[in-house]
Amino acid sequence: MGNNICKECNICVEKKSPTLFLAVTTKCKHDKTICRNCVERYIDANLNGKGDVFIQCPFEGCKKVIEHNDVKRIANQELFERSCGEKSCYTHDVPWHENMSCAQYEEKSKESEAATNHYLMKHTKPCPKCGTHIEKNGGCNHMTCKIRSCSYEFCWL
């Protein structure tokens, strides 16, 4: 490879073919100055080393989040699926929500959370001392909070 067709990576400072440089995220507007290998190592360090789920583009000054599709496009299969072999959504830190975009997953999560909150409002009462939701499932109205550090006793009525 001649120097006239090579490009220098801002991180490893190696001269490489321009085809090895890519946009880190689909939303990045800056020049492609970081090679694929460095971006992959950066993702690996953040996911496996620090455990970060919200990984920002390593380009200085760019705050764009590297999303699931970006990781899939850049990272190798092993890194993408993590060492456990399961596909994961790095945005939500959950197993990958198959057939749903992150926006669809968030909407479904909100619906599920709303249903849970509705159930809690309708079928439980908060412990007057610690606030833990308590569900009366029969018996008398004398209640005892099952949280060991609380054990508050109160009347359900």
N, C-alpha and C. Protein backbone atom coordinates (compact mmCIF):
# COMPACT_ATOMS: atom_id res chain seq x y z
N MET A 1 0.84 -1.19 0.00
CA MET A 1 0.00 0.00 0.00
C MET A 1 0.88 1.25 0.00
N GLY A 2 0.70 2.11 -0.95
CA GLY A 2 1.46 3.35 -0.99
C GLY A 2 0.88 4.37 -0.03
N ASN A 3 1.73 5.29 0.44
CA ASN A 3 1.29 6.30 1.41
C ASN A 3 0.21 7.21 0.85
N ASN A 4 0.17 7.38 -0.48
CA ASN A 4 -0.80 8.31 -1.05
C ASN A 4 -2.23 7.77 -0.97
N ILE A 5 -2.42 6.46 -0.76
CA ILE A 5 -3.77 5.95 -0.63
C ILE A 5 -4.08 5.47 0.79
N CYS A 6 -3.18 5.74 1.72
CA CYS A 6 -3.38 5.35 3.12
C CYS A 6 -3.88 6.53 3.93
N LYS A 7 -4.51 6.17 5.03
CA LYS A 7 -5.06 7.17 5.94
C LYS A 7 -4.58 6.81 7.34
N GLU A 8 -4.31 7.81 8.17
CA GLU A 8 -3.82 7.56 9.52
C GLU A 8 -4.96 7.59 10.53
N CYS A 9 -5.03 6.56 11.36
CA CYS A 9 -6.05 6.46 12.41
C CYS A 9 -5.69 7.40 13.55
N ASN A 10 -6.67 8.14 14.06
CA ASN A 10 -6.44 9.08 15.17
C ASN A 10 -6.13 8.38 16.49
N ILE A 11 -6.44 7.10 16.60
CA ILE A 11 -6.21 6.40 17.86
C ILE A 11 -4.92 5.58 17.83
N CYS A 12 -4.80 4.64 16.90
CA CYS A 12 -3.61 3.78 16.85
C CYS A 12 -2.47 4.41 16.05
N VAL A 13 -2.76 5.48 15.34
CA VAL A 13 -1.80 6.23 14.53
C VAL A 13 -1.14 5.37 13.45
N GLU A 14 -1.80 4.30 13.05
CA GLU A 14 -1.30 3.45 11.96
C GLU A 14 -1.89 3.93 10.64
N LYS A 15 -1.11 3.78 9.58
CA LYS A 15 -1.61 4.12 8.24
C LYS A 15 -2.30 2.88 7.68
N LYS A 16 -3.57 3.08 7.26
CA LYS A 16 -4.39 1.97 6.78
C LYS A 16 -5.19 2.39 5.56
N SER A 17 -5.74 1.40 4.89
CA SER A 17 -6.58 1.66 3.73
C SER A 17 -7.81 2.46 4.15
N PRO A 18 -8.22 3.42 3.35
CA PRO A 18 -9.41 4.21 3.68
C PRO A 18 -10.67 3.36 3.86
N THR A 19 -10.70 2.17 3.29
CA THR A 19 -11.87 1.29 3.44
C THR A 19 -12.02 0.76 4.86
N LEU A 20 -10.96 0.87 5.66
CA LEU A 20 -11.01 0.41 7.05
C LEU A 20 -11.53 1.48 8.01
N PHE A 21 -11.90 2.63 7.47
CA PHE A 21 -12.44 3.72 8.27
C PHE A 21 -13.93 3.83 8.00
N LEU A 22 -14.72 3.93 9.05
CA LEU A 22 -16.17 4.01 8.88
C LEU A 22 -16.76 4.97 9.89
N ALA A 23 -17.98 5.37 9.62
CA ALA A 23 -18.69 6.22 10.58
C ALA A 23 -18.94 5.37 11.82
N VAL A 24 -18.60 5.89 12.99
CA VAL A 24 -18.76 5.12 14.23
C VAL A 24 -20.24 4.86 14.49
N THR A 25 -21.07 5.88 14.34
CA THR A 25 -22.52 5.71 14.47
C THR A 25 -23.16 6.18 13.18
N THR A 26 -24.39 5.81 12.98
CA THR A 26 -25.10 6.26 11.79
C THR A 26 -25.46 7.74 11.90
N LYS A 27 -25.29 8.32 13.10
CA LYS A 27 -25.64 9.73 13.32
C LYS A 27 -24.42 10.65 13.34
N CYS A 28 -23.21 10.08 13.34
CA CYS A 28 -21.99 10.89 13.37
C CYS A 28 -21.87 11.70 12.08
N LYS A 29 -21.46 12.96 12.22
CA LYS A 29 -21.29 13.85 11.06
C LYS A 29 -19.81 14.20 10.83
N HIS A 30 -18.93 13.78 11.73
CA HIS A 30 -17.51 14.13 11.62
C HIS A 30 -16.82 13.22 10.61
N ASP A 31 -15.58 13.58 10.29
CA ASP A 31 -14.77 12.79 9.37
C ASP A 31 -14.54 11.39 9.93
N LYS A 32 -14.32 10.45 9.04
CA LYS A 32 -14.04 9.06 9.43
C LYS A 32 -12.54 8.95 9.67
N THR A 33 -12.13 9.15 10.93
CA THR A 33 -10.71 9.20 11.26
C THR A 33 -10.27 8.11 12.22
N ILE A 34 -11.19 7.19 12.57
CA ILE A 34 -10.84 6.11 13.49
C ILE A 34 -11.08 4.79 12.75
N CYS A 35 -10.07 3.91 12.77
CA CYS A 35 -10.20 2.66 12.03
C CYS A 35 -11.15 1.69 12.74
N ARG A 36 -11.66 0.76 11.98
CA ARG A 36 -12.61 -0.23 12.48
C ARG A 36 -12.05 -1.00 13.68
N ASN A 37 -10.77 -1.40 13.61
CA ASN A 37 -10.16 -2.16 14.71
C ASN A 37 -10.17 -1.36 16.02
N CYS A 38 -9.87 -0.08 15.93
CA CYS A 38 -9.85 0.75 17.15
C CYS A 38 -11.26 0.94 17.71
N VAL A 39 -12.24 1.12 16.83
CA VAL A 39 -13.62 1.27 17.29
C VAL A 39 -14.07 -0.02 17.96
N GLU A 40 -13.73 -1.16 17.37
CA GLU A 40 -14.11 -2.45 17.95
C GLU A 40 -13.47 -2.64 19.33
N ARG A 41 -12.18 -2.29 19.45
CA ARG A 41 -11.50 -2.41 20.75
C ARG A 41 -12.13 -1.46 21.78
N TYR A 42 -12.54 -0.28 21.32
CA TYR A 42 -13.20 0.70 22.19
C TYR A 42 -14.53 0.15 22.71
N ILE A 43 -15.32 -0.44 21.81
CA ILE A 43 -16.60 -1.04 22.21
C ILE A 43 -16.35 -2.18 23.20
N ASP A 44 -15.39 -3.02 22.88
CA ASP A 44 -15.05 -4.16 23.76
C ASP A 44 -14.66 -3.68 25.15
N ALA A 45 -13.82 -2.67 25.21
CA ALA A 45 -13.37 -2.16 26.52
C ALA A 45 -14.54 -1.61 27.32
N ASN A 46 -15.46 -0.93 26.66
CA ASN A 46 -16.60 -0.35 27.36
C ASN A 46 -17.62 -1.39 27.78
N LEU A 47 -17.88 -2.37 26.94
CA LEU A 47 -18.87 -3.40 27.26
C LEU A 47 -18.36 -4.39 28.28
N ASN A 48 -17.19 -4.93 28.02
CA ASN A 48 -16.69 -6.00 28.85
C ASN A 48 -15.82 -5.53 30.01
N GLY A 49 -15.13 -4.43 29.82
CA GLY A 49 -14.27 -3.93 30.89
C GLY A 49 -15.01 -3.11 31.90
N LYS A 50 -15.71 -2.08 31.42
CA LYS A 50 -16.41 -1.16 32.31
C LYS A 50 -17.87 -1.55 32.52
N GLY A 51 -18.41 -2.37 31.62
CA GLY A 51 -19.82 -2.76 31.72
C GLY A 51 -20.77 -1.67 31.27
N ASP A 52 -20.26 -0.67 30.57
CA ASP A 52 -21.12 0.43 30.11
C ASP A 52 -22.13 -0.05 29.08
N VAL A 53 -23.32 0.48 29.14
CA VAL A 53 -24.34 0.16 28.15
C VAL A 53 -24.52 1.33 27.20
N PHE A 54 -24.29 2.53 27.66
CA PHE A 54 -24.38 3.71 26.82
C PHE A 54 -22.95 4.09 26.46
N ILE A 55 -22.56 3.72 25.26
CA ILE A 55 -21.20 3.98 24.80
C ILE A 55 -21.26 5.11 23.79
N GLN A 56 -20.47 6.15 24.05
CA GLN A 56 -20.44 7.28 23.14
C GLN A 56 -19.32 7.11 22.13
N CYS A 57 -19.51 7.71 20.98
CA CYS A 57 -18.50 7.71 19.93
C CYS A 57 -17.17 8.19 20.51
N PRO A 58 -16.06 7.51 20.17
CA PRO A 58 -14.76 7.90 20.72
C PRO A 58 -14.15 9.14 20.07
N PHE A 59 -14.76 9.65 19.00
CA PHE A 59 -14.25 10.84 18.32
C PHE A 59 -14.34 12.02 19.28
N GLU A 60 -13.25 12.75 19.44
CA GLU A 60 -13.22 13.87 20.39
C GLU A 60 -14.31 14.89 20.08
N GLY A 61 -15.15 15.16 21.08
CA GLY A 61 -16.22 16.14 20.94
C GLY A 61 -17.55 15.56 20.46
N CYS A 62 -17.53 14.33 19.96
CA CYS A 62 -18.77 13.71 19.48
C CYS A 62 -19.43 12.99 20.65
N LYS A 63 -20.67 13.26 20.89
CA LYS A 63 -21.39 12.66 22.02
C LYS A 63 -22.46 11.67 21.56
N LYS A 64 -22.42 11.27 20.27
CA LYS A 64 -23.44 10.35 19.75
C LYS A 64 -23.27 8.98 20.42
N VAL A 65 -24.41 8.36 20.76
CA VAL A 65 -24.39 7.05 21.40
C VAL A 65 -24.27 5.97 20.34
N ILE A 66 -23.39 5.01 20.59
CA ILE A 66 -23.25 3.87 19.70
C ILE A 66 -24.42 2.94 20.01
N GLU A 67 -25.32 2.78 19.04
CA GLU A 67 -26.53 2.00 19.25
C GLU A 67 -26.36 0.56 18.80
N HIS A 68 -27.38 -0.25 19.06
CA HIS A 68 -27.35 -1.68 18.75
C HIS A 68 -26.91 -1.95 17.32
N ASN A 69 -27.53 -1.27 16.35
CA ASN A 69 -27.19 -1.51 14.95
C ASN A 69 -25.77 -1.10 14.63
N ASP A 70 -25.25 -0.09 15.31
CA ASP A 70 -23.86 0.33 15.12
C ASP A 70 -22.92 -0.77 15.62
N VAL A 71 -23.22 -1.33 16.79
CA VAL A 71 -22.39 -2.40 17.35
C VAL A 71 -22.43 -3.60 16.41
N LYS A 72 -23.60 -3.93 15.91
CA LYS A 72 -23.75 -5.07 15.00
C LYS A 72 -22.94 -4.85 13.72
N ARG A 73 -22.93 -3.62 13.23
CA ARG A 73 -22.23 -3.27 11.99
C ARG A 73 -20.71 -3.28 12.17
N ILE A 74 -20.25 -2.88 13.35
CA ILE A 74 -18.81 -2.70 13.58
C ILE A 74 -18.15 -3.91 14.23
N ALA A 75 -18.77 -4.43 15.27
CA ALA A 75 -18.13 -5.45 16.10
C ALA A 75 -18.18 -6.84 15.47
N ASN A 76 -17.24 -7.69 15.90
CA ASN A 76 -17.28 -9.08 15.45
C ASN A 76 -18.41 -9.80 16.18
N GLN A 77 -18.79 -10.96 15.67
CA GLN A 77 -19.92 -11.72 16.20
C GLN A 77 -19.76 -12.02 17.69
N GLU A 78 -18.57 -12.42 18.08
CA GLU A 78 -18.32 -12.77 19.48
C GLU A 78 -18.55 -11.58 20.40
N LEU A 79 -18.02 -10.45 20.03
CA LEU A 79 -18.22 -9.24 20.83
C LEU A 79 -19.68 -8.83 20.82
N PHE A 80 -20.29 -8.91 19.64
CA PHE A 80 -21.69 -8.50 19.53
C PHE A 80 -22.59 -9.32 20.45
N GLU A 81 -22.40 -10.59 20.48
CA GLU A 81 -23.26 -11.44 21.30
C GLU A 81 -22.73 -11.63 22.71
N ARG A 82 -21.66 -10.94 23.04
CA ARG A 82 -20.97 -11.05 24.33
C ARG A 82 -20.52 -12.47 24.55
N SER A 83 -19.82 -12.72 25.59
CA SER A 83 -19.24 -14.03 25.83
C SER A 83 -20.28 -15.09 26.18
N CYS A 84 -21.48 -14.69 26.58
CA CYS A 84 -22.50 -15.67 26.97
C CYS A 84 -23.20 -16.27 25.76
N GLY A 85 -22.99 -15.71 24.58
CA GLY A 85 -23.60 -16.26 23.38
C GLY A 85 -25.01 -15.77 23.14
N GLU A 86 -25.52 -14.89 23.96
CA GLU A 86 -26.87 -14.36 23.79
C GLU A 86 -26.79 -12.99 23.16
N LYS A 87 -27.73 -12.70 22.27
CA LYS A 87 -27.80 -11.37 21.72
C LYS A 87 -28.34 -10.44 22.79
N SER A 88 -27.72 -9.28 22.92
CA SER A 88 -28.14 -8.32 23.94
C SER A 88 -28.38 -6.96 23.31
N CYS A 89 -29.30 -6.23 23.91
CA CYS A 89 -29.50 -4.85 23.51
C CYS A 89 -28.63 -4.01 24.43
N TYR A 90 -27.64 -3.35 23.86
CA TYR A 90 -26.72 -2.57 24.68
C TYR A 90 -27.34 -1.26 25.13
N THR A 91 -28.38 -0.82 24.47
CA THR A 91 -29.06 0.41 24.88
C THR A 91 -29.85 0.18 26.15
N HIS A 92 -30.54 -0.97 26.23
CA HIS A 92 -31.42 -1.24 27.38
C HIS A 92 -30.83 -2.25 28.36
N ASP A 93 -29.67 -2.83 28.04
CA ASP A 93 -29.01 -3.82 28.88
C ASP A 93 -29.93 -4.99 29.22
N VAL A 94 -30.57 -5.53 28.19
CA VAL A 94 -31.47 -6.67 28.31
C VAL A 94 -31.17 -7.63 27.16
N PRO A 95 -31.66 -8.89 27.24
CA PRO A 95 -31.55 -9.74 26.05
C PRO A 95 -32.21 -9.04 24.87
N TRP A 96 -31.69 -9.26 23.67
CA TRP A 96 -32.18 -8.53 22.52
C TRP A 96 -33.68 -8.73 22.32
N HIS A 97 -34.37 -7.63 22.12
CA HIS A 97 -35.82 -7.63 21.91
C HIS A 97 -36.08 -7.93 20.45
N GLU A 98 -36.15 -9.25 20.14
CA GLU A 98 -36.32 -9.75 18.77
C GLU A 98 -37.54 -9.13 18.09
N ASN A 99 -37.40 -8.77 16.84
CA ASN A 99 -38.46 -8.20 16.01
C ASN A 99 -38.99 -6.86 16.52
N MET A 100 -38.23 -6.17 17.35
CA MET A 100 -38.64 -4.85 17.85
C MET A 100 -37.45 -3.91 17.79
N SER A 101 -37.70 -2.70 17.37
CA SER A 101 -36.66 -1.68 17.43
C SER A 101 -36.57 -1.22 18.89
N CYS A 102 -35.55 -0.45 19.22
CA CYS A 102 -35.43 0.07 20.59
C CYS A 102 -36.64 0.94 20.94
N ALA A 103 -37.13 1.72 19.98
CA ALA A 103 -38.29 2.57 20.25
C ALA A 103 -39.53 1.73 20.54
N GLN A 104 -39.71 0.64 19.78
CA GLN A 104 -40.85 -0.26 20.02
C GLN A 104 -40.72 -0.94 21.38
N TYR A 105 -39.48 -1.34 21.72
CA TYR A 105 -39.25 -1.98 23.02
C TYR A 105 -39.58 -1.00 24.16
N GLU A 106 -39.16 0.24 24.01
CA GLU A 106 -39.45 1.25 25.03
C GLU A 106 -40.95 1.45 25.19
N GLU A 107 -41.68 1.49 24.09
CA GLU A 107 -43.14 1.66 24.14
C GLU A 107 -43.78 0.48 24.85
N LYS A 108 -43.34 -0.73 24.50
CA LYS A 108 -43.89 -1.94 25.14
C LYS A 108 -43.55 -1.93 26.64
N SER A 109 -42.34 -1.50 26.99
CA SER A 109 -41.94 -1.44 28.39
C SER A 109 -42.81 -0.45 29.16
N LYS A 110 -43.12 0.69 28.53
CA LYS A 110 -43.99 1.69 29.17
C LYS A 110 -45.38 1.11 29.40
N GLU A 111 -45.90 0.37 28.41
CA GLU A 111 -47.22 -0.26 28.54
C GLU A 111 -47.21 -1.28 29.68
N SER A 112 -46.15 -2.08 29.74
CA SER A 112 -46.02 -3.09 30.78
C SER A 112 -45.91 -2.44 32.15
N GLU A 113 -45.13 -1.37 32.23
CA GLU A 113 -44.97 -0.65 33.49
C GLU A 113 -46.30 -0.03 33.92
N ALA A 114 -47.05 0.49 32.96
CA ALA A 114 -48.36 1.08 33.27
C ALA A 114 -49.31 0.01 33.79
N ALA A 115 -49.28 -1.18 33.19
CA ALA A 115 -50.12 -2.28 33.65
C ALA A 115 -49.73 -2.71 35.06
N THR A 116 -48.45 -2.77 35.32
CA THR A 116 -47.97 -3.13 36.66
C THR A 116 -48.42 -2.09 37.68
N ASN A 117 -48.25 -0.82 37.34
CA ASN A 117 -48.67 0.25 38.26
C ASN A 117 -50.17 0.22 38.51
N HIS A 118 -50.95 -0.07 37.46
CA HIS A 118 -52.41 -0.18 37.61
C HIS A 118 -52.75 -1.31 38.59
N TYR A 119 -52.09 -2.46 38.42
CA TYR A 119 -52.33 -3.60 39.32
C TYR A 119 -51.97 -3.23 40.76
N LEU A 120 -50.82 -2.61 40.93
CA LEU A 120 -50.38 -2.24 42.28
C LEU A 120 -51.36 -1.26 42.94
N MET A 121 -51.86 -0.30 42.16
CA MET A 121 -52.81 0.68 42.70
C MET A 121 -54.12 0.00 43.10
N LYS A 122 -54.55 -0.98 42.32
CA LYS A 122 -55.84 -1.61 42.53
C LYS A 122 -55.81 -2.71 43.60
N HIS A 123 -54.71 -3.45 43.71
CA HIS A 123 -54.68 -4.65 44.54
C HIS A 123 -53.73 -4.60 45.74
N THR A 124 -52.99 -3.51 45.90
CA THR A 124 -52.04 -3.45 47.02
C THR A 124 -52.19 -2.12 47.76
N LYS A 125 -51.56 -2.09 48.93
CA LYS A 125 -51.45 -0.85 49.70
C LYS A 125 -49.99 -0.74 50.13
N PRO A 126 -49.48 0.47 50.19
CA PRO A 126 -48.10 0.62 50.64
C PRO A 126 -48.01 0.47 52.16
N CYS A 127 -46.95 -0.15 52.62
CA CYS A 127 -46.71 -0.22 54.06
C CYS A 127 -46.55 1.22 54.55
N PRO A 128 -47.27 1.60 55.63
CA PRO A 128 -47.17 2.97 56.14
C PRO A 128 -45.76 3.37 56.59
N LYS A 129 -44.93 2.36 56.91
CA LYS A 129 -43.59 2.67 57.40
C LYS A 129 -42.55 2.72 56.27
N CYS A 130 -42.49 1.66 55.45
CA CYS A 130 -41.42 1.59 54.45
C CYS A 130 -41.89 1.80 53.01
N GLY A 131 -43.20 1.76 52.77
CA GLY A 131 -43.73 2.01 51.44
C GLY A 131 -43.77 0.81 50.51
N THR A 132 -43.30 -0.34 50.96
CA THR A 132 -43.34 -1.55 50.13
C THR A 132 -44.79 -1.93 49.86
N HIS A 133 -45.08 -2.31 48.62
CA HIS A 133 -46.45 -2.70 48.27
C HIS A 133 -46.79 -4.03 48.92
N ILE A 134 -47.96 -4.08 49.56
CA ILE A 134 -48.43 -5.28 50.24
C ILE A 134 -49.77 -5.67 49.63
N GLU A 135 -49.90 -6.95 49.31
CA GLU A 135 -51.13 -7.47 48.73
C GLU A 135 -51.83 -8.34 49.77
N LYS A 136 -53.09 -8.03 50.02
CA LYS A 136 -53.88 -8.83 50.97
C LYS A 136 -54.47 -9.99 50.18
N ASN A 137 -54.15 -11.20 50.63
CA ASN A 137 -54.63 -12.37 49.88
C ASN A 137 -55.53 -13.27 50.73
N GLY A 138 -56.22 -12.68 51.67
CA GLY A 138 -57.14 -13.44 52.51
C GLY A 138 -56.89 -13.15 53.98
N GLY A 139 -57.68 -13.78 54.84
CA GLY A 139 -57.48 -13.64 56.27
C GLY A 139 -58.03 -12.34 56.81
N CYS A 140 -57.60 -12.00 58.01
CA CYS A 140 -58.10 -10.80 58.68
C CYS A 140 -57.43 -9.54 58.14
N ASN A 141 -57.83 -8.41 58.66
CA ASN A 141 -57.30 -7.12 58.20
C ASN A 141 -56.01 -6.70 58.91
N HIS A 142 -55.51 -7.53 59.84
CA HIS A 142 -54.26 -7.23 60.53
C HIS A 142 -53.11 -7.61 59.60
N MET A 143 -52.29 -6.63 59.24
CA MET A 143 -51.19 -6.85 58.30
C MET A 143 -49.85 -6.64 58.99
N THR A 144 -48.86 -7.43 58.56
CA THR A 144 -47.49 -7.26 59.03
C THR A 144 -46.60 -7.22 57.81
N CYS A 145 -45.83 -6.16 57.67
CA CYS A 145 -44.91 -6.01 56.54
C CYS A 145 -43.86 -7.11 56.62
N LYS A 146 -43.61 -7.79 55.51
CA LYS A 146 -42.68 -8.92 55.47
C LYS A 146 -41.23 -8.51 55.24
N ILE A 147 -41.00 -7.24 55.09
CA ILE A 147 -39.62 -6.76 54.97
C ILE A 147 -39.00 -6.84 56.35
N ARG A 148 -37.92 -7.64 56.49
CA ARG A 148 -37.32 -7.89 57.81
C ARG A 148 -36.95 -6.63 58.57
N SER A 149 -36.40 -5.66 57.87
CA SER A 149 -35.96 -4.44 58.55
C SER A 149 -37.14 -3.55 58.94
N CYS A 150 -38.36 -3.90 58.51
CA CYS A 150 -39.53 -3.09 58.78
C CYS A 150 -40.46 -3.78 59.79
N SER A 151 -41.11 -4.86 59.36
CA SER A 151 -42.06 -5.64 60.18
C SER A 151 -43.16 -4.79 60.80
N TYR A 152 -43.52 -3.69 60.16
CA TYR A 152 -44.56 -2.80 60.66
C TYR A 152 -45.92 -3.50 60.63
N GLU A 153 -46.71 -3.32 61.69
CA GLU A 153 -48.04 -3.91 61.76
C GLU A 153 -49.07 -2.79 61.60
N PHE A 154 -50.11 -3.08 60.80
CA PHE A 154 -51.16 -2.07 60.55
C PHE A 154 -52.46 -2.77 60.15
N CYS A 155 -53.53 -2.00 60.14
CA CYS A 155 -54.84 -2.51 59.76
C CYS A 155 -55.05 -2.20 58.28
N TRP A 156 -55.49 -3.17 57.50
CA TRP A 156 -55.71 -3.02 56.05
C TRP A 156 -56.77 -1.96 55.73
N LEU A 157 -57.78 -1.84 56.62
CA LEU A 157 -58.89 -0.91 56.35
C LEU A 157 -58.50 0.54 56.44
